[in-house]
C-alpha atoms as a PDB file:
ATOM      1  CA  MET A   1      49.296  25.568  11.539  1.00  0.00           C
ATOM      2  CA  LYS A   2      48.983  25.979   7.896  1.00  0.00           C
ATOM      3  CA  PHE A   3      46.456  23.172   7.997  1.00  0.00           C
ATOM      4  CA  ILE A   4      44.474  24.721  10.404  1.00  0.00           C
ATOM      5  CA  THR A   5      44.408  28.248   8.618  1.00  0.00           C
ATOM      6  CA  HIS A   6      43.805  26.465   5.382  1.00  0.00           C
ATOM      7  CA  PHE A   7      40.784  24.581   6.746  1.00  0.00           C
ATOM      8  CA  ASN A   8      39.485  27.591   8.514  1.00  0.00           C
ATOM      9  CA  PHE A   9      39.455  29.729   5.384  1.00  0.00           C
ATOM     10  CA  ASN A  10      37.538  27.060   3.417  1.00  0.00           C
ATOM     11  CA  LEU A  11      35.160  26.850   6.245  1.00  0.00           C
ATOM     12  CA  SER A  12      34.792  30.336   6.337  1.00  0.00           C
ATOM     13  CA  ALA A  13      34.170  30.718   2.621  1.00  0.00           C
ATOM     14  CA  LYS A  14      31.698  27.882   2.610  1.00  0.00           C
ATOM     15  CA  GLU A  15      29.763  29.549   5.346  1.00  0.00           C
ATOM     16  CA  PHE A  16      29.879  32.873   3.633  1.00  0.00           C
ATOM     17  CA  LEU A  17      28.493  31.545   0.367  1.00  0.00           C
ATOM     18  CA  LYS A  18      25.943  29.737   2.385  1.00  0.00           C
ATOM     19  CA  LYS A  19      24.791  32.949   3.763  1.00  0.00           C
ATOM     20  CA  LEU A  20      24.967  34.898   0.479  1.00  0.00           C
ATOM     21  CA  VAL A  21      22.736  32.078  -1.042  1.00  0.00           C
ATOM     22  CA  PHE A  22      20.257  31.936   2.038  1.00  0.00           C
ATOM     23  CA  ARG A  23      19.859  35.730   2.505  1.00  0.00           C
ATOM     24  CA  TYR A  24      19.858  37.027  -1.230  1.00  0.00           C
ATOM     25  CA  THR A  25      18.705  34.151  -3.527  1.00  0.00           C
ATOM     26  CA  LYS A  26      15.592  31.611  -3.566  1.00  0.00           C
ATOM     27  CA  LEU A  27      18.124  28.823  -3.701  1.00  0.00           C
ATOM     28  CA  GLY A  28      18.090  28.352  -0.071  1.00  0.00           C
ATOM     29  CA  LYS A  29      14.614  28.156   0.301  1.00  0.00           C
ATOM     30  CA  PRO A  30      13.369  24.943   2.092  1.00  0.00           C
ATOM     31  CA  THR A  31      11.555  22.501  -0.407  1.00  0.00           C
ATOM     32  CA  TYR A  32       9.290  19.436   0.224  1.00  0.00           C
ATOM     33  CA  PRO A  33      10.668  16.721  -2.101  1.00  0.00           C
ATOM     34  CA  TYR A  34       7.905  13.921  -1.469  1.00  0.00           C
ATOM     35  CA  ASN A  35       4.820  13.498  -3.561  1.00  0.00           C
ATOM     36  CA  VAL A  36       3.107  12.025  -0.697  1.00  0.00           C
ATOM     37  CA  GLU A  37       1.698  13.814   2.374  1.00  0.00           C
ATOM     38  CA  PRO A  38       3.558  14.193   5.667  1.00  0.00           C
ATOM     39  CA  ILE A  39       0.766  11.914   7.420  1.00  0.00           C
ATOM     40  CA  GLN A  40       1.619   9.029   4.888  1.00  0.00           C
ATOM     41  CA  LEU A  41       5.377   9.232   5.449  1.00  0.00           C
ATOM     42  CA  ALA A  42       4.592   8.918   9.175  1.00  0.00           C
ATOM     43  CA  ALA A  43       2.149   5.936   8.664  1.00  0.00           C
ATOM     44  CA  LEU A  44       4.564   4.102   6.847  1.00  0.00           C
ATOM     45  CA  ILE A  45       7.419   4.528   9.452  1.00  0.00           C
ATOM     46  CA  ASN A  46       4.815   3.609  12.253  1.00  0.00           C
ATOM     47  CA  THR A  47       3.652   0.528  10.620  1.00  0.00           C
ATOM     48  CA  PHE A  48       6.837  -0.535   9.532  1.00  0.00           C
ATOM     49  CA  GLU A  49       7.980  -0.505  13.099  1.00  0.00           C
ATOM     50  CA  GLU A  50       4.701  -1.929  14.261  1.00  0.00           C
ATOM     51  CA  LEU A  51       5.484  -4.993  11.977  1.00  0.00           C
ATOM     52  CA  ARG A  52       9.198  -5.186  13.061  1.00  0.00           C
ATOM     53  CA  SER A  53       8.668  -8.231  14.653  1.00  0.00           C
ATOM     54  CA  LYS A  54       7.225  -9.887  11.573  1.00  0.00           C
ATOM     55  CA  LYS A  55       9.104 -11.667   9.163  1.00  0.00           C
ATOM     56  CA  GLY A  56       8.424 -10.338   5.556  1.00  0.00           C
ATOM     57  CA  CYS A  57       9.570  -7.942   2.891  1.00  0.00           C
ATOM     58  CA  LEU A  58       8.850  -4.294   2.473  1.00  0.00           C
ATOM     59  CA  VAL A  59       7.622  -3.501  -1.567  1.00  0.00           C
ATOM     60  CA  GLU A  60       7.139  -0.267  -3.023  1.00  0.00           C
ATOM     61  CA  ILE A  61       5.519  -0.276  -6.335  1.00  0.00           C
ATOM     62  CA  GLY A  62       5.633   2.716  -8.308  1.00  0.00           C
ATOM     63  CA  VAL A  63       8.898   4.230  -7.349  1.00  0.00           C
ATOM     64  CA  ALA A  64       9.625   7.336  -9.719  1.00  0.00           C
ATOM     65  CA  ARG A  65      12.802   8.893  -8.689  1.00  0.00           C
ATOM     66  CA  GLY A  66      12.885   7.097  -5.594  1.00  0.00           C
ATOM     67  CA  GLN A  67      12.337   9.929  -2.978  1.00  0.00           C
ATOM     68  CA  THR A  68      10.023   7.849  -1.013  1.00  0.00           C
ATOM     69  CA  THR A  69      12.357   4.820  -1.439  1.00  0.00           C
ATOM     70  CA  LYS A  70      15.321   6.820   0.076  1.00  0.00           C
ATOM     71  CA  PHE A  71      13.390   8.027   2.916  1.00  0.00           C
ATOM     72  CA  LEU A  72      12.320   4.494   3.804  1.00  0.00           C
ATOM     73  CA  ALA A  73      15.884   3.174   3.263  1.00  0.00           C
ATOM     74  CA  ASN A  74      17.248   5.627   5.409  1.00  0.00           C
ATOM     75  CA  HIS A  75      14.830   4.432   8.250  1.00  0.00           C
ATOM     76  CA  VAL A  76      15.788   0.890   7.649  1.00  0.00           C
ATOM     77  CA  GLU A  77      19.719   1.616   7.822  1.00  0.00           C
ATOM     78  CA  LEU A  78      19.472   4.057  10.679  1.00  0.00           C
ATOM     79  CA  THR A  79      17.656   1.651  12.766  1.00  0.00           C
ATOM     80  CA  ASN A  80      19.915  -1.248  12.041  1.00  0.00           C
ATOM     81  CA  TYR A  81      16.998  -3.423  10.616  1.00  0.00           C
ATOM     82  CA  LYS A  82      19.373  -5.998   9.052  1.00  0.00           C
ATOM     83  CA  GLU A  83      20.801  -6.629  12.529  1.00  0.00           C
ATOM     84  CA  PHE A  84      17.302  -7.644  13.473  1.00  0.00           C
ATOM     85  CA  ASP A  85      16.405  -9.567  10.432  1.00  0.00           C
ATOM     86  CA  SER A  86      19.347 -10.571   8.218  1.00  0.00           C
ATOM     87  CA  GLU A  87      16.977 -11.880   5.551  1.00  0.00           C
ATOM     88  CA  PHE A  88      14.948  -8.600   5.338  1.00  0.00           C
ATOM     89  CA  LYS A  89      14.573  -7.291   1.693  1.00  0.00           C
ATOM     90  CA  PHE A  90      13.000  -4.109   0.372  1.00  0.00           C
ATOM     91  CA  TYR A  91      11.844  -4.622  -3.222  1.00  0.00           C
ATOM     92  CA  ALA A  92      10.917  -1.845  -5.846  1.00  0.00           C
ATOM     93  CA  VAL A  93       8.669  -2.536  -8.693  1.00  0.00           C
ATOM     94  CA  ASP A  94       8.298  -0.277 -11.792  1.00  0.00           C
ATOM     95  CA  THR A  95       8.414   0.280 -15.463  1.00  0.00           C
ATOM     96  CA  PHE A  96      11.183   2.898 -15.009  1.00  0.00           C
ATOM     97  CA  SER A  97       9.385   4.008 -18.415  1.00  0.00           C
ATOM     98  CA  SER A  98       6.682   5.919 -17.838  1.00  0.00           C
ATOM     99  CA  PHE A  99       2.784   4.114 -18.024  1.00  0.00           C
ATOM    100  CA  ILE A 100       1.869   1.306 -19.991  1.00  0.00           C
ATOM    101  CA  GLU A 101       0.159   1.881 -23.277  1.00  0.00           C
ATOM    102  CA  GLU A 102      -2.702  -0.461 -22.230  1.00  0.00           C
ATOM    103  CA  ASP A 103      -3.457   1.225 -18.958  1.00  0.00           C
ATOM    104  CA  ILE A 104      -3.350   4.630 -20.569  1.00  0.00           C
ATOM    105  CA  ASN A 105      -5.856   3.628 -23.256  1.00  0.00           C
ATOM    106  CA  TRP A 106      -8.179   2.386 -20.621  1.00  0.00           C
ATOM    107  CA  GLU A 107      -8.017   5.701 -18.367  1.00  0.00           C
ATOM    108  CA  VAL A 108      -8.880   7.372 -21.979  1.00  0.00           C
ATOM    109  CA  ASN A 109     -11.509   5.054 -23.357  1.00  0.00           C
ATOM    110  CA  LYS A 110     -13.055   3.639 -20.437  1.00  0.00           C
ATOM    111  CA  ARG A 111     -13.039   6.469 -17.914  1.00  0.00           C
ATOM    112  CA  GLY A 112     -13.043   9.616 -20.149  1.00  0.00           C
ATOM    113  CA  LYS A 113      -9.616  11.158 -19.070  1.00  0.00           C
ATOM    114  CA  ASN A 114      -7.308  13.332 -21.160  1.00  0.00           C
ATOM    115  CA  PHE A 115      -4.281  11.519 -22.721  1.00  0.00           C
ATOM    116  CA  GLU A 116      -2.008  14.768 -22.696  1.00  0.00           C
ATOM    117  CA  GLU A 117      -2.815  14.927 -18.867  1.00  0.00           C
ATOM    118  CA  LEU A 118      -1.719  11.066 -18.229  1.00  0.00           C
ATOM    119  CA  VAL A 119       1.940  11.321 -19.843  1.00  0.00           C
ATOM    120  CA  GLY A 120       4.485  11.393 -17.218  1.00  0.00           C
ATOM    121  CA  PHE A 121       7.473   9.701 -15.554  1.00  0.00           C
ATOM    122  CA  GLU A 122       9.447   9.196 -18.914  1.00  0.00           C
ATOM    123  CA  TYR A 123      12.522  10.692 -17.577  1.00  0.00           C
ATOM    124  CA  ASN A 124      13.168   7.484 -15.558  1.00  0.00           C
ATOM    125  CA  LYS A 125      16.206   4.998 -16.329  1.00  0.00           C
ATOM    126  CA  PHE A 126      16.392   1.744 -14.889  1.00  0.00           C
ATOM    127  CA  GLU A 127      20.163   1.675 -14.961  1.00  0.00           C
ATOM    128  CA  VAL A 128      20.457   5.186 -13.282  1.00  0.00           C
ATOM    129  CA  TRP A 129      17.781   4.429 -10.259  1.00  0.00           C
ATOM    130  CA  ILE A 130      19.783   1.056  -9.669  1.00  0.00           C
ATOM    131  CA  ASP A 131      23.049   2.995  -9.496  1.00  0.00           C
ATOM    132  CA  ASN A 132      21.640   5.960  -7.151  1.00  0.00           C
ATOM    133  CA  PHE A 133      20.593   3.064  -4.719  1.00  0.00           C
ATOM    134  CA  LYS A 134      23.764   0.645  -4.992  1.00  0.00           C
ATOM    135  CA  SER A 135      24.954   1.496  -1.403  1.00  0.00           C
ATOM    136  CA  TYR A 136      21.592  -0.117  -0.066  1.00  0.00           C
ATOM    137  CA  LYS A 137      22.334  -3.716  -0.051  1.00  0.00           C
ATOM    138  CA  PHE A 138      18.666  -4.589   0.931  1.00  0.00           C
ATOM    139  CA  ILE A 139      17.183  -3.142  -1.870  1.00  0.00           C
ATOM    140  CA  GLU A 140      16.481  -5.038  -4.946  1.00  0.00           C
ATOM    141  CA  ALA A 141      14.407  -3.310  -8.123  1.00  0.00           C
ATOM    142  CA  PHE A 142      12.420  -5.130 -10.875  1.00  0.00           C
ATOM    143  CA  LYS A 143      11.881  -3.346 -13.962  1.00  0.00           C
ATOM    144  CA  SER A 144       8.293  -4.724 -14.514  1.00  0.00           C
ATOM    145  CA  ASP A 145       4.662  -3.897 -15.210  1.00  0.00           C
ATOM    146  CA  CYS A 146       3.130  -4.292 -11.680  1.00  0.00           C
ATOM    147  CA  SER A 147       0.143  -5.689 -13.226  1.00  0.00           C
ATOM    148  CA  LYS A 148       2.170  -8.838 -14.662  1.00  0.00           C
ATOM    149  CA  PHE A 149       4.509  -9.096 -11.550  1.00  0.00           C
ATOM    150  CA  ASP A 150       4.449 -12.266  -9.738  1.00  0.00           C
ATOM    151  CA  PHE A 151       4.153 -10.971  -5.980  1.00  0.00           C
ATOM    152  CA  SER A 152       4.440 -14.688  -4.940  1.00  0.00           C
ATOM    153  CA  SER A 153       8.104 -14.611  -5.897  1.00  0.00           C
ATOM    154  CA  ILE A 154       8.858 -12.161  -3.059  1.00  0.00           C
ATOM    155  CA  SER A 155       6.464 -13.370  -0.219  1.00  0.00           C
ATOM    156  CA  PRO A 156       5.796 -12.978   2.401  1.00  0.00           C
ATOM    157  CA  ILE A 157       5.115  -9.381   2.104  1.00  0.00           C
ATOM    158  CA  LYS A 158       4.351  -7.502   5.289  1.00  0.00           C
ATOM    159  CA  MET A 159       3.798  -3.858   3.949  1.00  0.00           C
ATOM    160  CA  ALA A 160       3.306  -2.631   0.455  1.00  0.00           C
ATOM    161  CA  PHE A 161       3.027   0.969  -0.815  1.00  0.00           C
ATOM    162  CA  LEU A 162       1.285   1.186  -3.893  1.00  0.00           C
ATOM    163  CA  ASP A 163       1.554   4.367  -6.003  1.00  0.00           C
ATOM    164  CA  VAL A 164       0.685   3.706  -9.777  1.00  0.00           C
ATOM    165  CA  ASP A 165      -2.094   6.170 -10.372  1.00  0.00           C
ATOM    166  CA  LEU A 166      -4.043   4.324 -12.955  1.00  0.00           C
ATOM    167  CA  TYR A 167      -7.161   2.073 -12.306  1.00  0.00           C
ATOM    168  CA  LEU A 168      -6.110  -1.356 -14.248  1.00  0.00           C
ATOM    169  CA  PRO A 169      -2.317  -1.374 -12.660  1.00  0.00           C
ATOM    170  CA  THR A 170      -3.822  -0.626  -9.261  1.00  0.00           C
ATOM    171  CA  LYS A 171      -6.531  -2.927  -9.077  1.00  0.00           C
ATOM    172  CA  LYS A 172      -4.426  -5.895 -10.635  1.00  0.00           C
ATOM    173  CA  ALA A 173      -1.774  -5.243  -8.332  1.00  0.00           C
ATOM    174  CA  LEU A 174      -3.880  -5.048  -5.467  1.00  0.00           C
ATOM    175  CA  GLN A 175      -5.299  -8.447  -6.527  1.00  0.00           C
ATOM    176  CA  ASN A 176      -1.917  -9.975  -6.634  1.00  0.00           C
ATOM    177  CA  ILE A 177      -0.346  -8.612  -3.589  1.00  0.00           C
ATOM    178  CA  TYR A 178      -3.196  -9.184  -1.240  1.00  0.00           C
ATOM    179  CA  PRO A 179      -2.797 -13.124  -1.175  1.00  0.00           C
ATOM    180  CA  ASN A 180       1.029 -12.878  -0.382  1.00  0.00           C
ATOM    181  CA  LEU A 181       0.429 -10.209   2.596  1.00  0.00           C
ATOM    182  CA  ILE A 182       1.014 -11.540   6.007  1.00  0.00           C
ATOM    183  CA  GLN A 183      -1.681 -11.728   8.599  1.00  0.00           C
ATOM    184  CA  ASN A 184      -2.114  -8.227   9.735  1.00  0.00           C
ATOM    185  CA  GLY A 185       0.179  -6.865   6.687  1.00  0.00           C
ATOM    186  CA  TYR A 186      -0.705  -3.547   5.348  1.00  0.00           C
ATOM    187  CA  ILE A 187      -1.245  -2.171   1.706  1.00  0.00           C
ATOM    188  CA  PHE A 188      -0.907   1.601   1.442  1.00  0.00           C
ATOM    189  CA  VAL A 189      -2.199   2.861  -1.659  1.00  0.00           C
ATOM    190  CA  ASP A 190      -1.707   6.633  -2.873  1.00  0.00           C
ATOM    191  CA  ASP A 191      -3.963   9.034  -4.942  1.00  0.00           C
ATOM    192  CA  VAL A 192      -7.128   7.550  -3.521  1.00  0.00           C
ATOM    193  CA  LYS A 193      -8.877  10.728  -4.096  1.00  0.00           C
ATOM    194  CA  ASN A 194     -11.867  11.128  -6.421  1.00  0.00           C
ATOM    195  CA  ASP A 195     -12.787  13.901  -9.355  1.00  0.00           C
ATOM    196  CA  MET A 196      -9.042  14.283 -10.426  1.00  0.00           C
ATOM    197  CA  ASN A 197      -7.292  13.231 -13.611  1.00  0.00           C
ATOM    198  CA  TYR A 198      -5.219  10.451 -11.593  1.00  0.00           C
ATOM    199  CA  ASP A 199      -8.368   9.062  -9.748  1.00  0.00           C
ATOM    200  CA  GLY A 200      -7.993   5.554 -11.010  1.00  0.00           C
ATOM    201  CA  ALA A 201      -6.507   4.445  -7.914  1.00  0.00           C
ATOM    202  CA  PHE A 202      -9.466   5.697  -6.106  1.00  0.00           C
ATOM    203  CA  GLN A 203     -11.771   3.562  -8.224  1.00  0.00           C
ATOM    204  CA  ALA A 204      -9.508   0.668  -7.877  1.00  0.00           C
ATOM    205  CA  TYR A 205      -9.295   1.033  -4.137  1.00  0.00           C
ATOM    206  CA  THR A 206     -12.859   1.349  -3.479  1.00  0.00           C
ATOM    207  CA  GLU A 207     -13.744  -1.567  -5.852  1.00  0.00           C
ATOM    208  CA  PHE A 208     -11.163  -4.000  -4.187  1.00  0.00           C
ATOM    209  CA  CYS A 209     -12.181  -3.276  -0.707  1.00  0.00           C
ATOM    210  CA  ASP A 210     -15.905  -3.629  -1.452  1.00  0.00           C
ATOM    211  CA  GLU A 211     -15.266  -6.946  -3.378  1.00  0.00           C
ATOM    212  CA  ASN A 212     -13.441  -8.651  -0.670  1.00  0.00           C
ATOM    213  CA  GLY A 213     -15.307  -7.211   2.434  1.00  0.00           C
ATOM    214  CA  ILE A 214     -12.694  -4.885   3.520  1.00  0.00           C
ATOM    215  CA  GLU A 215     -13.134  -1.724   5.517  1.00  0.00           C
ATOM    216  CA  LYS A 216     -12.074   1.162   3.631  1.00  0.00           C
ATOM    217  CA  LYS A 217      -9.634   3.887   5.630  1.00  0.00           C
ATOM    218  CA  ILE A 218      -8.040   6.915   4.395  1.00  0.00           C
ATOM    219  CA  ILE A 219      -5.465   9.165   5.924  1.00  0.00           C
ATOM    220  CA  GLY A 220      -4.547  12.662   5.203  1.00  0.00           C
ATOM    221  CA  ASN A 221      -6.168  13.644   1.773  1.00  0.00           C
ATOM    222  CA  LYS A 222      -5.343  10.562  -0.619  1.00  0.00           C
ATOM    223  CA  CYS A 223      -4.126   7.458   1.062  1.00  0.00           C
ATOM    224  CA  GLY A 224      -6.184   4.352   1.291  1.00  0.00           C
ATOM    225  CA  ILE A 225      -5.135   1.580   3.764  1.00  0.00           C
ATOM    226  CA  ILE A 226      -5.743  -2.156   3.634  1.00  0.00           C
ATOM    227  CA  ARG A 227      -5.178  -4.223   6.319  1.00  0.00           C
ATOM    228  CA  LYS A 228      -5.241  -8.002   6.063  1.00  0.00           C
ATOM    229  CA  LEU A 229      -7.031  -9.381   9.248  1.00  0.00           C
END
């Protein structure tokens, strides 16, 4: 009886505090934690399920804090994907220390961008990120410049989500990912939108598609899709 009374008291106190927070503060206000649009998240999951029967890894390039990584990892875990493919791996590739100087200089000197507006993601730390995802045994992270990363070392790739914003790393990553993509595999490129500070991805995506005879397809406001036919 004492246990039940104590339990009920704690539960009531918790509910009372939640009521105060939700009704009288802004702390209970719903937030959208992702930097990508809902249609992108839906497309990532639907495409991943479309490719379920295909052997190959999932790779995310440019992971920041790992919000999208968490979203995708939860899906993998909740659908018991490892039971279907015991060798499945989800790779995360990032510098974990902001942009590469060479890439920023290109944006400033070749594309006329503002240096101050390109600085970001310096808060990240590889060891902290790894610790945050240690419960997902199928995730492996690489601290690397994606322009120099050997994507053949993790091939075959069945789906890639590329979100590195700037022109040079986006273009080089596309050139290196595509040959290691399975037939009918997909690459999703974020920030494919012109006339904004981070529009290097738009130029890189457009050029890559034109150079390789690939039909350009945009979903939502800023996500370019490449399918290897």
